[in-house]
C-alpha atoms as a PDB file:
ATOM      1  CA  UNK A   1     -23.636 -62.258  19.954  1.00  0.00           C
ATOM      2  CA  UNK A   2     -26.259 -64.923  20.610  1.00  0.00           C
ATOM      3  CA  UNK A   3     -25.803 -67.194  23.605  1.00  0.00           C
ATOM      4  CA  UNK A   4     -25.443 -70.188  21.282  1.00  0.00           C
ATOM      5  CA  UNK A   5     -22.361 -68.604  19.730  1.00  0.00           C
ATOM      6  CA  UNK A   6     -20.519 -68.220  23.037  1.00  0.00           C
ATOM      7  CA  UNK A   7     -17.963 -71.004  23.358  1.00  0.00           C
ATOM      8  CA  UNK A   8     -18.404 -73.818  25.835  1.00  0.00           C
ATOM      9  CA  UNK A   9     -14.928 -73.013  27.128  1.00  0.00           C
ATOM     10  CA  UNK A  10     -15.963 -69.429  27.983  1.00  0.00           C
ATOM     11  CA  UNK A  11     -19.083 -70.644  29.772  1.00  0.00           C
ATOM     12  CA  UNK A  12     -17.201 -73.262  31.769  1.00  0.00           C
ATOM     13  CA  UNK A  13     -14.502 -70.756  32.703  1.00  0.00           C
ATOM     14  CA  UNK A  14     -17.104 -68.329  34.067  1.00  0.00           C
ATOM     15  CA  UNK A  15     -18.799 -71.056  36.100  1.00  0.00           C
ATOM     16  CA  UNK A  16     -15.474 -72.286  37.509  1.00  0.00           C
ATOM     17  CA  UNK A  17     -14.501 -68.760  38.560  1.00  0.00           C
ATOM     18  CA  UNK A  18     -17.879 -68.168  40.200  1.00  0.00           C
ATOM     19  CA  UNK A  19     -17.641 -71.465  42.061  1.00  0.00           C
ATOM     20  CA  UNK A  20     -14.214 -70.554  43.414  1.00  0.00           C
ATOM     21  CA  UNK A  21     -15.236 -67.041  44.478  1.00  0.00           C
ATOM     22  CA  UNK A  22     -18.502 -68.240  46.010  1.00  0.00           C
ATOM     23  CA  UNK A  23     -16.652 -70.805  48.115  1.00  0.00           C
ATOM     24  CA  UNK A  24     -14.115 -68.220  49.293  1.00  0.00           C
ATOM     25  CA  UNK A  25     -16.700 -65.605  50.228  1.00  0.00           C
ATOM     26  CA  UNK A  26     -18.881 -68.201  51.951  1.00  0.00           C
ATOM     27  CA  UNK A  27     -15.888 -69.191  54.099  1.00  0.00           C
ATOM     28  CA  UNK A  28     -15.714 -65.548  55.227  1.00  0.00           C
ATOM     29  CA  UNK A  29     -19.380 -65.502  56.255  1.00  0.00           C
ATOM     30  CA  UNK A  30     -20.384 -63.062  53.517  1.00  0.00           C
ATOM     31  CA  UNK A  31     -23.530 -64.982  52.440  1.00  0.00           C
ATOM     32  CA  UNK A  32     -25.724 -64.972  55.541  1.00  0.00           C
ATOM     33  CA  UNK A  33     -29.012 -66.722  54.818  1.00  0.00           C
ATOM     34  CA  UNK A  34     -29.223 -66.792  51.043  1.00  0.00           C
ATOM     35  CA  UNK A  35     -28.047 -63.199  50.663  1.00  0.00           C
ATOM     36  CA  UNK A  36     -25.674 -61.856  48.045  1.00  0.00           C
ATOM     37  CA  UNK A  37     -25.111 -62.585  44.379  1.00  0.00           C
ATOM     38  CA  UNK A  38     -22.164 -62.951  42.018  1.00  0.00           C
ATOM     39  CA  UNK A  39     -21.943 -62.651  38.248  1.00  0.00           C
ATOM     40  CA  UNK A  40     -19.387 -62.900  35.441  1.00  0.00           C
ATOM     41  CA  UNK A  41     -19.928 -61.731  31.863  1.00  0.00           C
ATOM     42  CA  UNK A  42     -19.306 -64.142  28.995  1.00  0.00           C
ATOM     43  CA  UNK A  43     -18.785 -63.559  25.287  1.00  0.00           C
ATOM     44  CA  UNK A  44     -18.160 -60.342  23.394  1.00  0.00           C
ATOM     45  CA  UNK A  45     -19.597 -57.209  24.938  1.00  0.00           C
ATOM     46  CA  UNK A  46     -21.788 -54.549  23.413  1.00  0.00           C
ATOM     47  CA  UNK A  47     -24.332 -52.510  25.406  1.00  0.00           C
ATOM     48  CA  UNK A  48     -27.136 -54.204  23.472  1.00  0.00           C
ATOM     49  CA  UNK A  49     -25.913 -57.789  23.393  1.00  0.00           C
ATOM     50  CA  UNK A  50     -24.249 -59.599  26.263  1.00  0.00           C
ATOM     51  CA  UNK A  51     -24.823 -62.521  28.620  1.00  0.00           C
ATOM     52  CA  UNK A  52     -23.585 -63.297  32.094  1.00  0.00           C
ATOM     53  CA  UNK A  53     -23.537 -66.154  34.572  1.00  0.00           C
ATOM     54  CA  UNK A  54     -25.141 -65.314  37.925  1.00  0.00           C
ATOM     55  CA  UNK A  55     -25.914 -67.100  41.175  1.00  0.00           C
ATOM     56  CA  UNK A  56     -29.394 -68.627  41.219  1.00  0.00           C
ATOM     57  CA  UNK A  57     -31.995 -67.170  43.570  1.00  0.00           C
ATOM     58  CA  UNK A  58     -32.672 -68.725  46.962  1.00  0.00           C
ATOM     59  CA  UNK A  59     -29.651 -71.029  47.093  1.00  0.00           C
ATOM     60  CA  UNK A  60     -27.500 -71.722  50.147  1.00  0.00           C
ATOM     61  CA  UNK A  61     -24.200 -70.316  48.943  1.00  0.00           C
ATOM     62  CA  UNK A  62     -22.209 -72.238  51.541  1.00  0.00           C
ATOM     63  CA  UNK A  63     -22.973 -75.378  49.509  1.00  0.00           C
ATOM     64  CA  UNK A  64     -21.862 -76.360  46.007  1.00  0.00           C
ATOM     65  CA  UNK A  65     -24.417 -77.940  43.661  1.00  0.00           C
ATOM     66  CA  UNK A  66     -24.937 -78.259  39.879  1.00  0.00           C
ATOM     67  CA  UNK A  67     -27.752 -75.694  40.198  1.00  0.00           C
ATOM     68  CA  UNK A  68     -25.802 -72.814  41.741  1.00  0.00           C
ATOM     69  CA  UNK A  69     -25.717 -70.628  38.595  1.00  0.00           C
ATOM     70  CA  UNK A  70     -27.597 -69.771  35.430  1.00  0.00           C
ATOM     71  CA  UNK A  71     -26.910 -67.613  32.404  1.00  0.00           C
ATOM     72  CA  UNK A  72     -28.994 -64.525  31.650  1.00  0.00           C
ATOM     73  CA  UNK A  73     -29.073 -61.928  28.890  1.00  0.00           C
ATOM     74  CA  UNK A  74     -28.796 -58.137  29.017  1.00  0.00           C
ATOM     75  CA  UNK A  75     -32.439 -57.866  30.204  1.00  0.00           C
ATOM     76  CA  UNK A  76     -31.907 -60.296  33.075  1.00  0.00           C
ATOM     77  CA  UNK A  77     -33.875 -63.119  31.460  1.00  0.00           C
ATOM     78  CA  UNK A  78     -32.486 -66.680  31.258  1.00  0.00           C
ATOM     79  CA  UNK A  79     -30.367 -67.241  28.158  1.00  0.00           C
ATOM     80  CA  UNK A  80     -31.456 -70.874  27.901  1.00  0.00           C
ATOM     81  CA  UNK A  81     -34.233 -73.103  29.213  1.00  0.00           C
ATOM     82  CA  UNK A  82     -33.845 -73.636  32.952  1.00  0.00           C
ATOM     83  CA  UNK A  83     -35.945 -74.141  36.060  1.00  0.00           C
ATOM     84  CA  UNK A  84     -33.578 -71.887  37.990  1.00  0.00           C
ATOM     85  CA  UNK A  85     -34.636 -68.345  38.830  1.00  0.00           C
ATOM     86  CA  UNK A  86     -32.306 -65.329  38.703  1.00  0.00           C
ATOM     87  CA  UNK A  87     -32.447 -62.932  41.623  1.00  0.00           C
ATOM     88  CA  UNK A  88     -34.620 -59.833  41.185  1.00  0.00           C
ATOM     89  CA  UNK A  89     -31.364 -57.941  41.798  1.00  0.00           C
ATOM     90  CA  UNK A  90     -30.136 -59.261  38.448  1.00  0.00           C
ATOM     91  CA  UNK A  91     -31.499 -56.011  36.974  1.00  0.00           C
ATOM     92  CA  UNK A  92     -28.899 -54.073  38.965  1.00  0.00           C
ATOM     93  CA  UNK A  93     -26.163 -56.269  37.509  1.00  0.00           C
ATOM     94  CA  UNK A  94     -27.562 -55.598  34.015  1.00  0.00           C
ATOM     95  CA  UNK A  95     -27.363 -51.842  34.540  1.00  0.00           C
ATOM     96  CA  UNK A  96     -23.845 -51.894  35.985  1.00  0.00           C
ATOM     97  CA  UNK A  97     -22.612 -53.979  33.036  1.00  0.00           C
ATOM     98  CA  UNK A  98     -24.228 -51.532  30.606  1.00  0.00           C
ATOM     99  CA  UNK A  99     -22.826 -48.455  32.343  1.00  0.00           C
ATOM    100  CA  UNK A 100     -19.285 -49.696  33.014  1.00  0.00           C
ATOM    101  CA  UNK A 101     -18.470 -52.463  30.528  1.00  0.00           C
ATOM    102  CA  UNK A 102     -17.029 -54.480  33.421  1.00  0.00           C
ATOM    103  CA  UNK A 103     -16.454 -58.234  33.389  1.00  0.00           C
ATOM    104  CA  UNK A 104     -17.617 -59.292  36.866  1.00  0.00           C
ATOM    105  CA  UNK A 105     -19.851 -57.990  39.675  1.00  0.00           C
ATOM    106  CA  UNK A 106     -19.854 -59.267  43.255  1.00  0.00           C
ATOM    107  CA  UNK A 107     -22.502 -58.280  45.824  1.00  0.00           C
ATOM    108  CA  UNK A 108     -22.448 -59.108  49.546  1.00  0.00           C
ATOM    109  CA  UNK A 109     -24.276 -58.043  52.697  1.00  0.00           C
ATOM    110  CA  UNK A 110     -22.070 -57.491  55.755  1.00  0.00           C
ATOM    111  CA  UNK A 111     -22.615 -55.822  59.098  1.00  0.00           C
ATOM    112  CA  UNK A 112     -20.053 -53.081  58.450  1.00  0.00           C
ATOM    113  CA  UNK A 113     -21.275 -52.160  54.984  1.00  0.00           C
ATOM    114  CA  UNK A 114     -24.832 -51.942  56.328  1.00  0.00           C
ATOM    115  CA  UNK A 115     -23.778 -49.797  59.293  1.00  0.00           C
ATOM    116  CA  UNK A 116     -21.830 -47.248  57.267  1.00  0.00           C
ATOM    117  CA  UNK A 117     -24.564 -47.016  54.637  1.00  0.00           C
ATOM    118  CA  UNK A 118     -26.950 -45.845  57.350  1.00  0.00           C
ATOM    119  CA  UNK A 119     -24.368 -43.730  59.171  1.00  0.00           C
ATOM    120  CA  UNK A 120     -23.757 -41.637  56.049  1.00  0.00           C
ATOM    121  CA  UNK A 121     -27.166 -41.954  54.395  1.00  0.00           C
ATOM    122  CA  UNK A 122     -27.965 -38.230  54.655  1.00  0.00           C
ATOM    123  CA  UNK A 123     -24.874 -37.301  52.624  1.00  0.00           C
ATOM    124  CA  UNK A 124     -25.593 -40.142  50.137  1.00  0.00           C
ATOM    125  CA  UNK A 125     -21.972 -41.307  50.121  1.00  0.00           C
ATOM    126  CA  UNK A 126     -19.414 -42.920  52.416  1.00  0.00           C
ATOM    127  CA  UNK A 127     -16.292 -40.734  52.782  1.00  0.00           C
ATOM    128  CA  UNK A 128     -12.859 -42.326  53.028  1.00  0.00           C
ATOM    129  CA  UNK A 129      -9.765 -40.190  53.631  1.00  0.00           C
ATOM    130  CA  UNK A 130      -6.151 -41.145  53.027  1.00  0.00           C
ATOM    131  CA  UNK A 131      -6.429 -44.882  53.684  1.00  0.00           C
ATOM    132  CA  UNK A 132      -3.808 -46.953  51.878  1.00  0.00           C
ATOM    133  CA  UNK A 133      -6.283 -49.468  50.476  1.00  0.00           C
ATOM    134  CA  UNK A 134      -7.866 -46.781  48.287  1.00  0.00           C
ATOM    135  CA  UNK A 135      -4.987 -47.732  45.955  1.00  0.00           C
ATOM    136  CA  UNK A 136      -6.816 -51.005  45.267  1.00  0.00           C
ATOM    137  CA  UNK A 137      -9.058 -48.911  43.000  1.00  0.00           C
ATOM    138  CA  UNK A 138      -6.054 -47.607  41.021  1.00  0.00           C
ATOM    139  CA  UNK A 139      -6.316 -44.242  42.759  1.00  0.00           C
ATOM    140  CA  UNK A 140      -2.750 -43.247  43.580  1.00  0.00           C
ATOM    141  CA  UNK A 141      -3.130 -39.655  44.835  1.00  0.00           C
ATOM    142  CA  UNK A 142      -1.299 -38.811  48.046  1.00  0.00           C
ATOM    143  CA  UNK A 143      -3.838 -38.836  50.925  1.00  0.00           C
ATOM    144  CA  UNK A 144      -6.589 -39.636  48.418  1.00  0.00           C
ATOM    145  CA  UNK A 145     -10.215 -38.941  49.286  1.00  0.00           C
ATOM    146  CA  UNK A 146     -13.082 -40.946  47.823  1.00  0.00           C
ATOM    147  CA  UNK A 147     -16.846 -40.939  48.272  1.00  0.00           C
ATOM    148  CA  UNK A 148     -18.555 -44.289  47.784  1.00  0.00           C
ATOM    149  CA  UNK A 149     -22.114 -43.651  46.516  1.00  0.00           C
ATOM    150  CA  UNK A 150     -25.130 -44.877  48.493  1.00  0.00           C
ATOM    151  CA  UNK A 151     -28.489 -45.415  46.790  1.00  0.00           C
ATOM    152  CA  UNK A 152     -31.966 -46.116  48.112  1.00  0.00           C
ATOM    153  CA  UNK A 153     -33.014 -49.672  48.877  1.00  0.00           C
ATOM    154  CA  UNK A 154     -36.511 -50.219  47.505  1.00  0.00           C
ATOM    155  CA  UNK A 155     -38.388 -53.518  47.662  1.00  0.00           C
ATOM    156  CA  UNK A 156     -39.282 -52.894  44.004  1.00  0.00           C
ATOM    157  CA  UNK A 157     -35.895 -53.522  42.375  1.00  0.00           C
ATOM    158  CA  UNK A 158     -36.643 -51.730  39.077  1.00  0.00           C
ATOM    159  CA  UNK A 159     -37.074 -48.528  41.119  1.00  0.00           C
ATOM    160  CA  UNK A 160     -33.449 -48.799  42.257  1.00  0.00           C
ATOM    161  CA  UNK A 161     -31.992 -49.004  38.748  1.00  0.00           C
ATOM    162  CA  UNK A 162     -32.443 -45.316  37.737  1.00  0.00           C
ATOM    163  CA  UNK A 163     -30.755 -44.218  40.956  1.00  0.00           C
ATOM    164  CA  UNK A 164     -27.839 -46.567  40.270  1.00  0.00           C
ATOM    165  CA  UNK A 165     -27.537 -45.037  36.793  1.00  0.00           C
ATOM    166  CA  UNK A 166     -27.589 -41.508  38.196  1.00  0.00           C
ATOM    167  CA  UNK A 167     -25.235 -42.016  41.151  1.00  0.00           C
ATOM    168  CA  UNK A 168     -22.699 -44.462  39.716  1.00  0.00           C
ATOM    169  CA  UNK A 169     -19.185 -42.959  39.735  1.00  0.00           C
ATOM    170  CA  UNK A 170     -16.980 -44.716  37.187  1.00  0.00           C
ATOM    171  CA  UNK A 171     -13.890 -43.732  39.216  1.00  0.00           C
ATOM    172  CA  UNK A 172     -15.211 -45.801  42.129  1.00  0.00           C
ATOM    173  CA  UNK A 173     -15.856 -49.479  41.218  1.00  0.00           C
ATOM    174  CA  UNK A 174     -18.673 -49.943  43.691  1.00  0.00           C
ATOM    175  CA  UNK A 175     -22.043 -48.680  44.877  1.00  0.00           C
ATOM    176  CA  UNK A 176     -23.857 -49.263  48.183  1.00  0.00           C
ATOM    177  CA  UNK A 177     -27.525 -50.028  48.654  1.00  0.00           C
ATOM    178  CA  UNK A 178     -28.698 -48.524  51.927  1.00  0.00           C
ATOM    179  CA  UNK A 179     -28.900 -51.098  54.748  1.00  0.00           C
ATOM    180  CA  UNK A 180     -28.448 -53.805  52.122  1.00  0.00           C
ATOM    181  CA  UNK A 181     -24.969 -54.330  50.666  1.00  0.00           C
ATOM    182  CA  UNK A 182     -22.141 -53.351  48.327  1.00  0.00           C
ATOM    183  CA  UNK A 183     -21.950 -54.039  44.600  1.00  0.00           C
ATOM    184  CA  UNK A 184     -18.295 -54.149  43.520  1.00  0.00           C
ATOM    185  CA  UNK A 185     -17.098 -54.740  39.982  1.00  0.00           C
ATOM    186  CA  UNK A 186     -13.962 -55.103  37.907  1.00  0.00           C
ATOM    187  CA  UNK A 187     -12.634 -55.993  34.483  1.00  0.00           C
ATOM    188  CA  UNK A 188     -12.554 -59.651  35.546  1.00  0.00           C
ATOM    189  CA  UNK A 189     -13.183 -61.853  38.578  1.00  0.00           C
ATOM    190  CA  UNK A 190      -9.756 -61.174  40.088  1.00  0.00           C
ATOM    191  CA  UNK A 191     -10.201 -57.415  39.926  1.00  0.00           C
ATOM    192  CA  UNK A 192     -13.795 -57.506  41.218  1.00  0.00           C
ATOM    193  CA  UNK A 193     -12.639 -59.651  44.165  1.00  0.00           C
ATOM    194  CA  UNK A 194      -9.816 -57.192  44.918  1.00  0.00           C
ATOM    195  CA  UNK A 195     -12.218 -54.274  44.849  1.00  0.00           C
ATOM    196  CA  UNK A 196     -14.764 -56.013  47.073  1.00  0.00           C
ATOM    197  CA  UNK A 197     -12.129 -56.930  49.651  1.00  0.00           C
ATOM    198  CA  UNK A 198     -10.860 -53.341  49.650  1.00  0.00           C
ATOM    199  CA  UNK A 199     -14.361 -51.953  50.132  1.00  0.00           C
ATOM    200  CA  UNK A 200     -15.018 -54.254  53.065  1.00  0.00           C
ATOM    201  CA  UNK A 201     -11.750 -53.238  54.732  1.00  0.00           C
ATOM    202  CA  UNK A 202     -12.577 -49.560  54.207  1.00  0.00           C
ATOM    203  CA  UNK A 203     -16.118 -49.910  55.558  1.00  0.00           C
ATOM    204  CA  UNK A 204     -14.837 -51.440  58.786  1.00  0.00           C
ATOM    205  CA  UNK A 205     -12.108 -48.804  59.036  1.00  0.00           C
ATOM    206  CA  UNK A 206     -14.573 -45.931  58.523  1.00  0.00           C
ATOM    207  CA  UNK A 207     -17.025 -47.282  61.081  1.00  0.00           C
ATOM    208  CA  UNK A 208     -14.379 -47.885  63.754  1.00  0.00           C
ATOM    209  CA  UNK A 209     -12.777 -44.493  63.073  1.00  0.00           C
ATOM    210  CA  UNK A 210     -16.140 -42.782  63.538  1.00  0.00           C
ATOM    211  CA  UNK A 211     -16.513 -44.513  66.923  1.00  0.00           C
ATOM    212  CA  UNK A 212     -13.025 -43.404  68.006  1.00  0.00           C
ATOM    213  CA  UNK A 213     -13.783 -39.774  67.124  1.00  0.00           C
ATOM    214  CA  UNK A 214     -16.801 -39.647  69.426  1.00  0.00           C
END
């Protein structure tokens, strides 16, 4: 589907949802500096033809302006003429959309997600055992165990993408970039928000539990 054929209503809905989520996450201090990015897919989805709204690069996400977001296509290029620039990390969003078919992706940098990504870097995943909030990912096993994948954090973003493709676990709606931040996704903005909040709780739990064991 071409961008021109996506309804104005769908575009406005995506922008309104991003504005609401951005404001909420900013109030929690999850956008230090100009870090982090948020996106929501619009229109029909096929692996070869989709568009999504994403936060513009270099913006202060604690503020709300008419230039907070832009639309890009499946290659990460702007879907319409704009002076706004998408983040280089847009390519990671593109790959996650292609691999999962999700509807929204939220990415934040926090102290706890950075700490646990380094703490467990050698095993390339963050282990979580039997914590109730694992159920936020629709994993209902008694005393469930999950491993949240960690991938390398290269300055050259395209070098990260193949590792995301290789390590992504479709059972776990998130992937960590080492000493960088979590990408969490869901079928829609509500689900992606729920997943991100669960990940952040689990990261803090895992870090504090590791301290208590020592």
